[in-house]
N, C-alpha and C. Protein backbone atom coordinates (compact mmCIF):
# COMPACT_ATOMS: atom_id res chain seq x y z
N MET A 1 15.02 2.04 -9.97
CA MET A 1 14.74 1.82 -8.76
C MET A 1 13.89 0.57 -8.64
N PRO A 2 14.17 -0.55 -9.34
CA PRO A 2 13.92 -1.77 -9.00
C PRO A 2 14.26 -2.40 -7.84
N GLU A 3 15.63 -1.89 -7.28
CA GLU A 3 16.09 -2.51 -5.96
C GLU A 3 14.98 -2.09 -4.98
N LYS A 4 14.77 -0.95 -4.83
CA LYS A 4 14.04 -0.58 -3.66
C LYS A 4 12.64 -0.93 -3.66
N THR A 5 12.15 -1.28 -4.80
CA THR A 5 10.65 -1.95 -4.96
C THR A 5 11.11 -3.48 -4.55
N GLU A 6 12.16 -4.01 -4.85
CA GLU A 6 12.09 -5.39 -4.59
C GLU A 6 12.52 -5.54 -2.94
N THR A 7 13.33 -4.96 -2.56
CA THR A 7 13.76 -4.72 -1.02
C THR A 7 12.49 -4.58 -0.37
N ALA A 8 11.61 -3.63 -0.69
CA ALA A 8 10.39 -3.18 0.22
C ALA A 8 9.35 -4.64 0.10
N ALA A 9 9.16 -5.10 -1.31
CA ALA A 9 8.30 -6.20 -1.19
C ALA A 9 8.82 -7.36 -0.37
N ALA A 10 10.27 -7.68 -0.43
CA ALA A 10 10.76 -8.78 0.53
C ALA A 10 10.61 -8.47 1.94
N ALA A 11 10.43 -7.36 2.31
CA ALA A 11 10.10 -7.15 3.81
C ALA A 11 8.81 -7.31 4.06
N THR A 12 8.07 -7.24 3.24
CA THR A 12 6.59 -7.19 3.48
C THR A 12 6.14 -8.62 3.83
N PRO A 13 5.31 -9.17 4.86
CA PRO A 13 4.91 -10.56 4.96
C PRO A 13 4.22 -11.03 3.73
N ARG A 14 4.48 -12.38 3.44
CA ARG A 14 3.83 -13.00 2.24
C ARG A 14 2.50 -12.79 1.94
N VAL A 15 1.70 -12.73 3.33
CA VAL A 15 0.23 -12.63 3.37
C VAL A 15 -0.38 -11.20 2.75
N PHE A 16 0.63 -10.31 2.65
CA PHE A 16 0.08 -9.12 2.09
C PHE A 16 0.49 -8.97 0.66
N ILE A 17 1.23 -9.76 0.26
CA ILE A 17 1.59 -9.79 -1.21
C ILE A 17 0.30 -9.52 -2.03
N PRO A 18 -0.78 -10.59 -1.93
CA PRO A 18 -1.75 -10.40 -2.81
C PRO A 18 -2.49 -9.08 -2.46
N VAL A 19 -2.41 -8.42 -1.43
CA VAL A 19 -3.08 -7.07 -1.33
C VAL A 19 -2.33 -6.07 -1.95
N ILE A 20 -0.95 -6.13 -2.12
CA ILE A 20 -0.28 -5.24 -2.99
C ILE A 20 -0.42 -5.61 -4.45
N ASP A 21 -0.81 -6.43 -4.94
CA ASP A 21 -1.05 -7.09 -6.24
C ASP A 21 -2.47 -6.60 -6.60
N ARG A 22 -3.45 -6.64 -5.86
CA ARG A 22 -4.96 -6.06 -6.24
C ARG A 22 -4.63 -4.68 -5.99
N LEU A 23 -4.00 -3.86 -5.24
CA LEU A 23 -4.08 -2.36 -5.32
C LEU A 23 -3.27 -1.74 -6.37
N MET A 24 -2.14 -2.76 -6.81
CA MET A 24 -1.46 -2.33 -8.01
C MET A 24 -2.38 -2.53 -9.21
N ALA A 25 -3.15 -3.38 -9.38
CA ALA A 25 -4.18 -3.43 -10.57
C ALA A 25 -5.06 -2.53 -10.50
N GLU A 26 -5.48 -2.15 -9.31
CA GLU A 26 -6.61 -0.89 -9.01
C GLU A 26 -5.96 0.46 -9.37
N PHE A 27 -4.75 0.58 -8.95
CA PHE A 27 -4.10 1.93 -9.12
C PHE A 27 -3.11 1.95 -10.26
N ALA A 28 -3.13 1.08 -11.27
CA ALA A 28 -2.36 0.95 -12.17
C ALA A 28 -2.39 2.41 -13.13
N GLY A 29 -1.27 3.00 -13.39
CA GLY A 29 -1.16 4.17 -14.06
C GLY A 29 -1.49 5.46 -13.14
N VAL A 30 -1.45 5.37 -11.68
CA VAL A 30 -1.89 6.42 -10.87
C VAL A 30 -0.47 6.42 -10.08
N HIS A 31 -0.30 5.13 -9.39
CA HIS A 31 0.89 4.92 -8.48
C HIS A 31 1.81 3.93 -8.78
N GLN A 32 2.84 4.24 -8.61
CA GLN A 32 4.17 3.20 -8.95
C GLN A 32 4.08 2.11 -7.69
N GLN A 33 4.50 0.83 -8.14
CA GLN A 33 4.61 -0.07 -6.99
C GLN A 33 5.25 0.13 -5.86
N ALA A 34 6.24 0.97 -5.77
CA ALA A 34 6.85 1.33 -4.54
C ALA A 34 5.98 2.11 -3.60
N THR A 35 5.15 3.03 -4.43
CA THR A 35 4.12 3.94 -3.41
C THR A 35 3.03 2.96 -2.76
N VAL A 36 2.66 2.04 -3.71
CA VAL A 36 1.50 1.05 -3.22
C VAL A 36 2.07 0.22 -1.99
N THR A 37 3.44 -0.30 -2.15
CA THR A 37 4.13 -0.93 -1.30
C THR A 37 4.15 -0.38 0.09
N ARG A 38 4.67 0.76 0.08
CA ARG A 38 4.76 1.76 0.82
C ARG A 38 3.52 1.88 1.86
N CYS A 39 2.52 2.17 1.12
CA CYS A 39 1.21 2.38 1.81
C CYS A 39 0.79 1.21 2.42
N VAL A 40 0.91 0.07 1.84
CA VAL A 40 0.21 -1.00 2.35
C VAL A 40 1.07 -1.50 3.84
N ASP A 41 2.73 -1.29 3.85
CA ASP A 41 3.33 -1.32 4.90
C ASP A 41 2.90 -0.26 6.04
N ALA A 42 2.75 0.83 5.80
CA ALA A 42 2.27 1.71 6.64
C ALA A 42 1.11 1.50 7.16
N ALA A 43 0.09 1.01 6.23
CA ALA A 43 -1.37 0.64 7.10
C ALA A 43 -1.37 -0.59 7.88
N ARG A 44 -0.31 -1.47 7.49
CA ARG A 44 0.03 -2.70 8.27
C ARG A 44 0.25 -1.99 9.83
N HIS A 45 1.28 -1.53 9.76
CA HIS A 45 1.97 -0.87 11.07
C HIS A 45 1.04 -0.04 11.72
N GLY A 46 0.35 0.88 10.98
CA GLY A 46 -0.86 1.54 11.64
C GLY A 46 -2.04 0.88 12.23
N ALA A 47 -2.45 -0.19 11.63
CA ALA A 47 -3.40 -0.93 12.12
C ALA A 47 -3.01 -1.75 13.32
N TRP A 48 -1.67 -2.19 13.08
CA TRP A 48 -1.23 -3.08 14.26
C TRP A 48 -1.18 -2.41 15.51
N GLU A 49 -0.78 -0.83 15.47
CA GLU A 49 -0.72 -0.21 16.60
C GLU A 49 -1.84 0.25 17.10
N VAL A 50 -2.78 0.39 16.30
CA VAL A 50 -4.01 1.01 16.82
C VAL A 50 -5.10 -0.01 17.38
N THR A 51 -5.00 -1.30 16.64
CA THR A 51 -6.15 -2.27 17.02
C THR A 51 -5.25 -3.52 17.49
N GLY A 52 -4.00 -3.62 17.34
CA GLY A 52 -3.24 -4.72 17.78
C GLY A 52 -3.46 -5.96 17.00
N LYS A 53 -3.93 -5.76 15.88
CA LYS A 53 -3.87 -6.68 14.69
C LYS A 53 -3.89 -6.04 13.15
N ALA A 54 -3.34 -6.80 12.35
CA ALA A 54 -3.32 -6.15 10.91
C ALA A 54 -3.54 -7.23 10.04
N THR A 55 -5.00 -7.47 10.01
CA THR A 55 -5.74 -8.62 9.02
C THR A 55 -5.47 -7.85 7.60
N PRO A 56 -5.29 -9.17 6.59
CA PRO A 56 -5.11 -8.46 5.07
C PRO A 56 -6.36 -7.76 4.64
N ASP A 57 -7.60 -8.07 5.13
CA ASP A 57 -8.58 -7.13 4.71
C ASP A 57 -8.76 -5.73 5.09
N LEU A 58 -8.23 -5.55 6.65
CA LEU A 58 -8.17 -4.14 7.24
C LEU A 58 -6.99 -3.25 6.40
N VAL A 59 -5.85 -4.05 6.49
CA VAL A 59 -4.63 -3.34 5.89
C VAL A 59 -5.34 -2.98 4.38
N GLU A 60 -5.75 -3.87 3.53
CA GLU A 60 -6.22 -3.41 2.35
C GLU A 60 -7.12 -2.18 2.33
N ARG A 61 -7.89 -2.16 2.88
CA ARG A 61 -8.98 -0.95 3.08
C ARG A 61 -8.28 0.30 3.63
N ILE A 62 -7.55 0.30 4.69
CA ILE A 62 -6.63 1.33 4.94
C ILE A 62 -5.66 2.10 3.68
N ALA A 63 -4.91 1.10 3.28
CA ALA A 63 -4.04 1.25 2.29
C ALA A 63 -4.68 1.88 0.97
N ARG A 64 -5.97 1.40 0.79
CA ARG A 64 -6.83 1.89 -0.51
C ARG A 64 -7.49 3.43 -0.26
N GLN A 65 -7.58 3.50 0.97
CA GLN A 65 -7.85 5.02 1.43
C GLN A 65 -6.78 6.17 1.14
N HIS A 66 -5.71 5.52 1.59
CA HIS A 66 -4.51 6.42 1.58
C HIS A 66 -4.16 6.55 -0.02
N LEU A 67 -4.20 5.49 -0.67
CA LEU A 67 -3.78 5.77 -2.27
C LEU A 67 -4.71 6.76 -2.57
N GLN A 68 -6.27 6.56 -2.53
CA GLN A 68 -7.09 7.34 -2.97
C GLN A 68 -6.82 8.75 -2.53
N VAL A 69 -6.60 9.27 -1.27
CA VAL A 69 -6.32 10.58 -0.89
C VAL A 69 -5.06 10.87 -1.54
N LEU A 70 -3.89 10.19 -1.77
CA LEU A 70 -2.89 10.55 -2.44
C LEU A 70 -3.04 10.96 -3.96
N ALA A 71 -3.80 10.14 -4.73
CA ALA A 71 -4.44 10.46 -5.99
C ALA A 71 -5.03 11.81 -6.13
N LEU A 72 -5.77 12.00 -5.15
CA LEU A 72 -6.52 13.12 -5.30
C LEU A 72 -5.70 14.39 -5.12
N ALA A 73 -4.78 14.27 -4.25
CA ALA A 73 -3.78 15.28 -3.67
C ALA A 73 -2.92 15.41 -5.14
N PHE A 74 -2.42 14.65 -5.67
CA PHE A 74 -1.53 14.98 -7.00
C PHE A 74 -2.59 15.45 -8.01
N ALA A 75 -3.84 15.15 -8.08
CA ALA A 75 -4.71 15.47 -9.15
C ALA A 75 -4.90 17.21 -9.13
N GLU A 76 -4.88 17.71 -7.61
CA GLU A 76 -5.07 19.09 -7.42
C GLU A 76 -4.11 19.87 -7.69
N ARG A 77 -2.74 19.39 -7.55
CA ARG A 77 -1.70 19.74 -7.98
C ARG A 77 -1.39 20.11 -9.47
N SER A 78 -2.21 19.28 -10.28
CA SER A 78 -1.86 19.31 -11.52
C SER A 78 -2.45 20.62 -12.37
């Protein structure tokens, strides 16, 4: 699956790569890179649609919340 991860990362604007890196470190062992990248991209699009801007700090906060909820949902299923 490295192809999908590389493609997703290539589609992500450079300014959000550090966000992905920080969240990857925070959720290491919990979520794969592809999941983190998708959450960051979804947060970026959602923030833009709702507020008309998608700053890295806002996108990071939204993506972090999504990743935490996903982790809780997966933990409940186990």
